[in-house]
C-alpha atoms as a PDB file:
ATOM      1  CA  MET A   1      95.874  40.614 -56.350  1.00  0.00           C
ATOM      2  CA  ARG A   2      93.706  38.995 -54.265  1.00  0.00           C
ATOM      3  CA  ILE A   3      90.827  41.377 -52.787  1.00  0.00           C
ATOM      4  CA  ALA A   4      88.182  41.613 -49.768  1.00  0.00           C
ATOM      5  CA  LEU A   5      85.416  43.524 -50.716  1.00  0.00           C
ATOM      6  CA  LEU A   6      83.693  44.490 -47.882  1.00  0.00           C
ATOM      7  CA  SER A   7      80.575  47.255 -47.494  1.00  0.00           C
ATOM      8  CA  ASP A   8      77.788  48.349 -45.131  1.00  0.00           C
ATOM      9  CA  VAL A   9      79.022  47.267 -41.681  1.00  0.00           C
ATOM     10  CA  HIS A  10      76.726  49.309 -39.929  1.00  0.00           C
ATOM     11  CA  GLY A  11      78.217  48.958 -36.444  1.00  0.00           C
ATOM     12  CA  ASN A  12      77.740  45.275 -36.422  1.00  0.00           C
ATOM     13  CA  LEU A  13      80.791  44.206 -34.349  1.00  0.00           C
ATOM     14  CA  PRO A  14      79.994  40.016 -34.373  1.00  0.00           C
ATOM     15  CA  ALA A  15      79.383  40.218 -38.421  1.00  0.00           C
ATOM     16  CA  PHE A  16      82.591  42.262 -39.433  1.00  0.00           C
ATOM     17  CA  LYS A  17      84.591  39.778 -36.927  1.00  0.00           C
ATOM     18  CA  ALA A  18      83.016  36.718 -38.620  1.00  0.00           C
ATOM     19  CA  VAL A  19      83.926  38.149 -41.919  1.00  0.00           C
ATOM     20  CA  LEU A  20      86.927  39.230 -41.488  1.00  0.00           C
ATOM     21  CA  ALA A  21      87.772  35.748 -40.036  1.00  0.00           C
ATOM     22  CA  ASP A  22      86.467  34.147 -43.258  1.00  0.00           C
ATOM     23  CA  VAL A  23      88.633  36.572 -45.286  1.00  0.00           C
ATOM     24  CA  GLU A  24      91.759  35.309 -43.278  1.00  0.00           C
ATOM     25  CA  ASN A  25      91.224  31.886 -44.223  1.00  0.00           C
ATOM     26  CA  GLU A  26      91.023  33.109 -47.686  1.00  0.00           C
ATOM     27  CA  GLY A  27      94.181  34.597 -47.557  1.00  0.00           C
ATOM     28  CA  VAL A  28      93.673  38.117 -49.273  1.00  0.00           C
ATOM     29  CA  ASP A  29      95.951  40.446 -50.395  1.00  0.00           C
ATOM     30  CA  GLU A  30      94.019  43.510 -49.274  1.00  0.00           C
ATOM     31  CA  ARG A  31      90.662  44.488 -47.794  1.00  0.00           C
ATOM     32  CA  TRP A  32      88.818  47.164 -48.978  1.00  0.00           C
ATOM     33  CA  CYS A  33      85.366  48.585 -47.333  1.00  0.00           C
ATOM     34  CA  LEU A  34      83.102  50.098 -49.935  1.00  0.00           C
ATOM     35  CA  GLY A  35      81.439  52.337 -46.730  1.00  0.00           C
ATOM     36  CA  ASP A  36      78.782  52.730 -44.004  1.00  0.00           C
ATOM     37  CA  LEU A  37      80.873  51.287 -40.882  1.00  0.00           C
ATOM     38  CA  VAL A  38      78.343  52.694 -38.967  1.00  0.00           C
ATOM     39  CA  GLY A  39      74.710  53.628 -38.482  1.00  0.00           C
ATOM     40  CA  TYR A  40      71.992  51.336 -37.507  1.00  0.00           C
ATOM     41  CA  GLY A  41      73.941  49.221 -35.182  1.00  0.00           C
ATOM     42  CA  ALA A  42      75.941  49.759 -31.573  1.00  0.00           C
ATOM     43  CA  GLU A  43      78.932  49.293 -31.966  1.00  0.00           C
ATOM     44  CA  PRO A  44      80.193  52.070 -33.505  1.00  0.00           C
ATOM     45  CA  ASP A  45      83.219  52.613 -32.047  1.00  0.00           C
ATOM     46  CA  ASP A  46      84.626  48.667 -32.499  1.00  0.00           C
ATOM     47  CA  CYS A  47      84.156  48.644 -35.921  1.00  0.00           C
ATOM     48  CA  VAL A  48      85.990  51.741 -36.863  1.00  0.00           C
ATOM     49  CA  ASN A  49      88.875  50.784 -34.984  1.00  0.00           C
ATOM     50  CA  LEU A  50      88.973  47.351 -37.071  1.00  0.00           C
ATOM     51  CA  ALA A  51      88.497  48.908 -39.761  1.00  0.00           C
ATOM     52  CA  ARG A  52      91.408  50.831 -39.329  1.00  0.00           C
ATOM     53  CA  GLU A  53      93.565  47.942 -38.332  1.00  0.00           C
ATOM     54  CA  THR A  54      92.685  45.512 -41.351  1.00  0.00           C
ATOM     55  CA  CYS A  55      91.560  47.458 -44.247  1.00  0.00           C
ATOM     56  CA  THR A  56      93.696  49.040 -47.044  1.00  0.00           C
ATOM     57  CA  VAL A  57      91.207  51.199 -48.444  1.00  0.00           C
ATOM     58  CA  CYS A  58      87.558  52.525 -46.383  1.00  0.00           C
ATOM     59  CA  LEU A  59      85.415  54.789 -48.564  1.00  0.00           C
ATOM     60  CA  ALA A  60      82.507  56.745 -46.776  1.00  0.00           C
ATOM     61  CA  GLY A  61      78.921  55.582 -46.765  1.00  0.00           C
ATOM     62  CA  ASN A  62      76.188  58.248 -46.453  1.00  0.00           C
ATOM     63  CA  HIS A  63      75.722  56.412 -42.657  1.00  0.00           C
ATOM     64  CA  ASP A  64      79.670  57.798 -42.126  1.00  0.00           C
ATOM     65  CA  LEU A  65      78.597  61.491 -43.876  1.00  0.00           C
ATOM     66  CA  VAL A  66      75.422  61.970 -41.816  1.00  0.00           C
ATOM     67  CA  VAL A  67      77.346  60.971 -38.281  1.00  0.00           C
ATOM     68  CA  THR A  68      80.198  63.480 -39.347  1.00  0.00           C
ATOM     69  CA  GLN A  69      77.517  65.961 -40.644  1.00  0.00           C
ATOM     70  CA  GLU A  70      78.652  66.440 -43.796  1.00  0.00           C
ATOM     71  CA  ILE A  71      75.625  65.595 -45.067  1.00  0.00           C
ATOM     72  CA  PRO A  72      71.490  66.661 -43.788  1.00  0.00           C
ATOM     73  CA  ILE A  73      69.722  63.953 -40.984  1.00  0.00           C
ATOM     74  CA  SER A  74      66.956  65.158 -42.807  1.00  0.00           C
ATOM     75  CA  ASP A  75      67.596  63.070 -46.038  1.00  0.00           C
ATOM     76  CA  PHE A  76      67.403  59.748 -43.560  1.00  0.00           C
ATOM     77  CA  SER A  77      64.409  57.338 -42.062  1.00  0.00           C
ATOM     78  CA  SER A  78      63.047  57.951 -38.849  1.00  0.00           C
ATOM     79  CA  SER A  79      64.967  54.530 -37.878  1.00  0.00           C
ATOM     80  CA  ALA A  80      67.877  55.683 -39.889  1.00  0.00           C
ATOM     81  CA  ALA A  81      68.373  59.190 -38.252  1.00  0.00           C
ATOM     82  CA  ALA A  82      67.570  58.186 -34.719  1.00  0.00           C
ATOM     83  CA  ALA A  83      70.448  55.472 -35.228  1.00  0.00           C
ATOM     84  CA  ALA A  84      72.465  58.480 -36.662  1.00  0.00           C
ATOM     85  CA  LEU A  85      71.803  60.760 -33.517  1.00  0.00           C
ATOM     86  CA  TRP A  86      72.851  57.954 -31.256  1.00  0.00           C
ATOM     87  CA  THR A  87      75.797  57.087 -33.100  1.00  0.00           C
ATOM     88  CA  ARG A  88      76.446  61.010 -32.962  1.00  0.00           C
ATOM     89  CA  GLU A  89      76.529  61.046 -29.174  1.00  0.00           C
ATOM     90  CA  ASN A  90      77.996  57.756 -28.713  1.00  0.00           C
ATOM     91  CA  ILE A  91      80.938  57.367 -31.215  1.00  0.00           C
ATOM     92  CA  SER A  92      84.445  58.716 -29.836  1.00  0.00           C
ATOM     93  CA  ALA A  93      86.120  61.717 -30.906  1.00  0.00           C
ATOM     94  CA  GLU A  94      89.279  59.351 -32.635  1.00  0.00           C
ATOM     95  CA  ALA A  95      86.750  57.116 -34.549  1.00  0.00           C
ATOM     96  CA  LEU A  96      84.819  60.466 -35.484  1.00  0.00           C
ATOM     97  CA  ALA A  97      88.073  61.811 -36.676  1.00  0.00           C
ATOM     98  CA  PHE A  98      88.664  58.154 -38.746  1.00  0.00           C
ATOM     99  CA  LEU A  99      85.601  58.799 -40.906  1.00  0.00           C
ATOM    100  CA  ARG A 100      85.490  62.602 -41.393  1.00  0.00           C
ATOM    101  CA  GLY A 101      86.564  63.576 -44.620  1.00  0.00           C
ATOM    102  CA  ARG A 102      87.006  60.063 -46.336  1.00  0.00           C
ATOM    103  CA  PRO A 103      85.622  59.896 -50.172  1.00  0.00           C
ATOM    104  CA  ALA A 104      82.764  58.391 -51.185  1.00  0.00           C
ATOM    105  CA  SER A 105      84.136  56.639 -54.383  1.00  0.00           C
ATOM    106  CA  ASP A 106      87.882  56.357 -55.652  1.00  0.00           C
ATOM    107  CA  PRO A 107      87.223  55.886 -59.617  1.00  0.00           C
ATOM    108  CA  ALA A 108      91.434  56.071 -59.877  1.00  0.00           C
ATOM    109  CA  ARG A 109      91.445  52.134 -58.327  1.00  0.00           C
ATOM    110  CA  GLU A 110      91.001  49.079 -60.442  1.00  0.00           C
ATOM    111  CA  PRO A 111      88.290  48.168 -59.965  1.00  0.00           C
ATOM    112  CA  GLY A 112      86.657  51.502 -59.722  1.00  0.00           C
ATOM    113  CA  LEU A 113      85.214  51.929 -55.918  1.00  0.00           C
ATOM    114  CA  TYR A 114      81.987  53.764 -55.311  1.00  0.00           C
ATOM    115  CA  HIS A 115      79.677  53.737 -52.242  1.00  0.00           C
ATOM    116  CA  GLY A 116      76.751  54.217 -54.037  1.00  0.00           C
ATOM    117  CA  SER A 117      77.508  54.373 -57.951  1.00  0.00           C
ATOM    118  CA  PRO A 118      79.568  55.700 -60.743  1.00  0.00           C
ATOM    119  CA  ARG A 119      76.707  58.525 -60.777  1.00  0.00           C
ATOM    120  CA  ASP A 120      76.242  59.154 -57.200  1.00  0.00           C
ATOM    121  CA  PRO A 121      78.560  57.665 -55.425  1.00  0.00           C
ATOM    122  CA  VAL A 122      76.562  58.702 -52.076  1.00  0.00           C
ATOM    123  CA  TRP A 123      73.091  58.046 -53.022  1.00  0.00           C
ATOM    124  CA  GLU A 124      72.307  55.695 -55.672  1.00  0.00           C
ATOM    125  CA  TYR A 125      70.781  52.264 -55.273  1.00  0.00           C
ATOM    126  CA  VAL A 126      71.723  50.200 -58.590  1.00  0.00           C
ATOM    127  CA  LEU A 127      68.989  47.461 -58.219  1.00  0.00           C
ATOM    128  CA  SER A 128      68.542  47.167 -62.028  1.00  0.00           C
ATOM    129  CA  ALA A 129      69.558  46.343 -65.680  1.00  0.00           C
ATOM    130  CA  TRP A 130      69.116  49.902 -66.782  1.00  0.00           C
ATOM    131  CA  GLN A 131      70.402  51.908 -64.199  1.00  0.00           C
ATOM    132  CA  ALA A 132      73.755  49.561 -64.010  1.00  0.00           C
ATOM    133  CA  ASP A 133      74.071  50.308 -67.823  1.00  0.00           C
ATOM    134  CA  GLU A 134      73.713  54.366 -67.670  1.00  0.00           C
ATOM    135  CA  CYS A 135      76.417  54.166 -64.523  1.00  0.00           C
ATOM    136  CA  MET A 136      78.984  51.735 -67.171  1.00  0.00           C
ATOM    137  CA  ASP A 137      78.763  54.649 -69.343  1.00  0.00           C
ATOM    138  CA  LEU A 138      80.246  57.017 -66.377  1.00  0.00           C
ATOM    139  CA  MET A 139      82.989  54.673 -65.244  1.00  0.00           C
ATOM    140  CA  SER A 140      86.520  55.253 -66.184  1.00  0.00           C
ATOM    141  CA  GLY A 141      87.528  51.878 -66.065  1.00  0.00           C
ATOM    142  CA  ARG A 142      86.085  48.424 -67.243  1.00  0.00           C
ATOM    143  CA  VAL A 143      85.019  46.881 -63.231  1.00  0.00           C
ATOM    144  CA  ALA A 144      83.686  48.945 -60.545  1.00  0.00           C
ATOM    145  CA  ALA A 145      82.705  47.786 -57.501  1.00  0.00           C
ATOM    146  CA  ILE A 146      79.789  49.438 -55.501  1.00  0.00           C
ATOM    147  CA  GLY A 147      77.969  48.853 -52.159  1.00  0.00           C
ATOM    148  CA  HIS A 148      74.396  50.854 -50.569  1.00  0.00           C
ATOM    149  CA  SER A 149      72.055  49.022 -51.859  1.00  0.00           C
ATOM    150  CA  HIS A 150      72.969  45.629 -48.915  1.00  0.00           C
ATOM    151  CA  VAL A 151      72.122  43.234 -51.916  1.00  0.00           C
ATOM    152  CA  ALA A 152      74.949  40.604 -53.265  1.00  0.00           C
ATOM    153  CA  LEU A 153      74.455  41.326 -56.983  1.00  0.00           C
ATOM    154  CA  TRP A 154      76.584  41.911 -60.591  1.00  0.00           C
ATOM    155  CA  PHE A 155      75.448  43.287 -63.810  1.00  0.00           C
ATOM    156  CA  GLY A 156      77.481  42.739 -66.985  1.00  0.00           C
ATOM    157  CA  ARG A 157      77.620  44.470 -70.026  1.00  0.00           C
ATOM    158  CA  ASP A 158      78.865  42.371 -73.168  1.00  0.00           C
ATOM    159  CA  PRO A 159      80.576  43.834 -76.232  1.00  0.00           C
ATOM    160  CA  THR A 160      77.367  43.660 -77.898  1.00  0.00           C
ATOM    161  CA  GLY A 161      75.807  46.204 -75.342  1.00  0.00           C
ATOM    162  CA  LYS A 162      73.808  43.489 -73.866  1.00  0.00           C
ATOM    163  CA  VAL A 163      73.298  44.081 -70.037  1.00  0.00           C
ATOM    164  CA  GLY A 164      72.392  41.155 -67.850  1.00  0.00           C
ATOM    165  CA  GLY A 165      72.520  41.631 -63.505  1.00  0.00           C
ATOM    166  CA  ASP A 166      71.425  39.135 -60.818  1.00  0.00           C
ATOM    167  CA  GLN A 167      71.291  38.513 -57.399  1.00  0.00           C
ATOM    168  CA  ALA A 168      74.078  36.884 -56.372  1.00  0.00           C
ATOM    169  CA  ARG A 169      74.017  33.797 -53.630  1.00  0.00           C
ATOM    170  CA  ASP A 170      76.936  32.276 -51.765  1.00  0.00           C
ATOM    171  CA  GLY A 171      79.484  30.687 -53.447  1.00  0.00           C
ATOM    172  CA  ASP A 172      78.454  32.393 -56.916  1.00  0.00           C
ATOM    173  CA  LYS A 173      81.401  33.243 -59.528  1.00  0.00           C
ATOM    174  CA  ALA A 174      82.044  35.450 -62.297  1.00  0.00           C
ATOM    175  CA  ASP A 175      84.414  35.384 -64.857  1.00  0.00           C
ATOM    176  CA  LEU A 176      85.266  38.964 -65.186  1.00  0.00           C
ATOM    177  CA  THR A 177      87.922  39.340 -67.907  1.00  0.00           C
ATOM    178  CA  ALA A 178      85.652  40.901 -70.692  1.00  0.00           C
ATOM    179  CA  GLY A 179      82.943  42.987 -70.702  1.00  0.00           C
ATOM    180  CA  GLU A 180      82.133  45.707 -68.612  1.00  0.00           C
ATOM    181  CA  TRP A 181      81.002  45.008 -64.853  1.00  0.00           C
ATOM    182  CA  LEU A 182      79.318  46.461 -61.190  1.00  0.00           C
ATOM    183  CA  ILE A 183      79.838  44.044 -58.592  1.00  0.00           C
ATOM    184  CA  ASN A 184      78.142  44.535 -55.053  1.00  0.00           C
ATOM    185  CA  PRO A 185      79.355  42.495 -52.221  1.00  0.00           C
ATOM    186  CA  GLY A 186      76.608  42.592 -50.530  1.00  0.00           C
ATOM    187  CA  SER A 187      76.113  43.837 -46.923  1.00  0.00           C
ATOM    188  CA  VAL A 188      78.471  42.623 -43.770  1.00  0.00           C
ATOM    189  CA  GLY A 189      76.285  44.038 -41.449  1.00  0.00           C
ATOM    190  CA  GLN A 190      72.947  44.289 -42.373  1.00  0.00           C
ATOM    191  CA  PRO A 191      71.779  42.181 -45.525  1.00  0.00           C
ATOM    192  CA  ARG A 192      68.639  42.906 -47.112  1.00  0.00           C
ATOM    193  CA  ASP A 193      68.150  40.292 -50.066  1.00  0.00           C
ATOM    194  CA  GLY A 194      66.520  37.534 -47.819  1.00  0.00           C
ATOM    195  CA  ASP A 195      69.875  36.074 -46.299  1.00  0.00           C
ATOM    196  CA  PRO A 196      70.667  36.965 -42.903  1.00  0.00           C
ATOM    197  CA  ARG A 197      74.047  35.698 -43.006  1.00  0.00           C
ATOM    198  CA  ALA A 198      77.245  38.650 -43.438  1.00  0.00           C
ATOM    199  CA  ALA A 199      77.833  38.914 -46.811  1.00  0.00           C
ATOM    200  CA  TRP A 200      81.736  39.835 -48.624  1.00  0.00           C
ATOM    201  CA  LEU A 201      83.058  39.646 -51.873  1.00  0.00           C
ATOM    202  CA  LEU A 202      86.214  37.577 -52.929  1.00  0.00           C
ATOM    203  CA  LEU A 203      87.936  39.683 -55.977  1.00  0.00           C
ATOM    204  CA  ASP A 204      91.060  38.560 -58.052  1.00  0.00           C
ATOM    205  CA  THR A 205      92.339  41.082 -60.484  1.00  0.00           C
ATOM    206  CA  GLU A 206      94.803  38.944 -62.178  1.00  0.00           C
ATOM    207  CA  GLY A 207      92.561  36.496 -62.847  1.00  0.00           C
ATOM    208  CA  TRP A 208      89.685  38.813 -63.350  1.00  0.00           C
ATOM    209  CA  THR A 209      87.245  36.396 -61.007  1.00  0.00           C
ATOM    210  CA  ALA A 210      84.643  37.231 -58.381  1.00  0.00           C
ATOM    211  CA  ARG A 211      83.725  35.277 -55.657  1.00  0.00           C
ATOM    212  CA  TRP A 212      80.497  35.933 -53.187  1.00  0.00           C
ATOM    213  CA  ARG A 213      80.267  34.227 -49.389  1.00  0.00           C
ATOM    214  CA  ARG A 214      78.313  34.460 -46.610  1.00  0.00           C
ATOM    215  CA  VAL A 215      79.179  34.091 -43.219  1.00  0.00           C
ATOM    216  CA  GLU A 216      77.099  32.717 -39.670  1.00  0.00           C
ATOM    217  CA  TYR A 217      77.606  35.353 -37.331  1.00  0.00           C
ATOM    218  CA  PRO A 218      76.036  35.423 -33.612  1.00  0.00           C
ATOM    219  CA  ILE A 219      73.144  37.551 -34.691  1.00  0.00           C
ATOM    220  CA  GLU A 220      71.625  37.538 -31.035  1.00  0.00           C
ATOM    221  CA  GLU A 221      74.657  39.456 -30.421  1.00  0.00           C
ATOM    222  CA  ALA A 222      74.332  42.432 -32.600  1.00  0.00           C
ATOM    223  CA  ALA A 223      70.798  42.610 -32.103  1.00  0.00           C
ATOM    224  CA  GLY A 224      71.021  42.615 -27.896  1.00  0.00           C
ATOM    225  CA  ALA A 225      73.563  45.225 -28.494  1.00  0.00           C
ATOM    226  CA  ILE A 226      71.201  47.240 -30.456  1.00  0.00           C
ATOM    227  CA  GLU A 227      68.135  46.846 -27.421  1.00  0.00           C
ATOM    228  CA  LYS A 228      70.420  47.847 -25.067  1.00  0.00           C
ATOM    229  CA  ALA A 229      71.565  50.763 -26.497  1.00  0.00           C
ATOM    230  CA  GLY A 230      68.087  51.702 -26.944  1.00  0.00           C
ATOM    231  CA  LEU A 231      67.862  51.836 -30.655  1.00  0.00           C
ATOM    232  CA  PRO A 232      64.631  51.539 -32.669  1.00  0.00           C
ATOM    233  CA  ARG A 233      63.914  47.633 -32.372  1.00  0.00           C
ATOM    234  CA  VAL A 234      63.175  46.748 -35.907  1.00  0.00           C
ATOM    235  CA  LEU A 235      66.804  47.545 -36.555  1.00  0.00           C
ATOM    236  CA  ALA A 236      67.247  44.469 -34.204  1.00  0.00           C
ATOM    237  CA  GLU A 237      64.688  42.203 -35.431  1.00  0.00           C
ATOM    238  CA  ARG A 238      65.457  42.617 -39.719  1.00  0.00           C
ATOM    239  CA  LEU A 239      68.723  41.289 -38.974  1.00  0.00           C
ATOM    240  CA  TYR A 240      67.309  37.606 -38.375  1.00  0.00           C
ATOM    241  CA  SER A 241      65.459  38.038 -41.573  1.00  0.00           C
ATOM    242  CA  GLY A 242      68.083  39.569 -43.879  1.00  0.00           C
ATOM    243  CA  GLN A 243      65.285  42.332 -44.823  1.00  0.00           C
END
């Protein structure tokens, strides 16, 4: 099966639309979202509605869970908390109902799905080989997909136990046929790996290959919506640098 893995949309409708158009051109079978449909961006309803229409699987991320009040807002930075409060006040009841009660992981799928990690599905940022090594010990399957960090990357552990990993650039491919793997598609709506383009990952579970994709989108539209909503200006400015 050909699966589009998406994560961290964060209310960025122009980026989400651009990614879904690119996904459509690739002819995938299903679209799986690893969480954080809302947070930071100013168009939560449209992003939730689009995910509901197009995605077979939608996990909950920490920004979704704080908007549904399933985790405390005190755990968030000032700008993230401001965005969460704004989203709580502006999201529709219908979109809120879609987000409420969604799990942060789905380990029974192939690959296993986690917003954060197999060790902590809500909060852990897997950014190092030693973290990935420990998380692989907890995976029920051989391959898992993670989001949350906003960084497109991969970690692999070969049969000898050696672990490697790196950031994934546009067009990078990985052969997942052997060993254990943690793969992260990067962020649709707020990349933090130095590339401002929206990110997603094409996974083929028959040949077990992964290919990372980046997509141009009108950043000024997303930034303008954030500024118009009165959200912290830094949330708009960082979109231009991918940080």
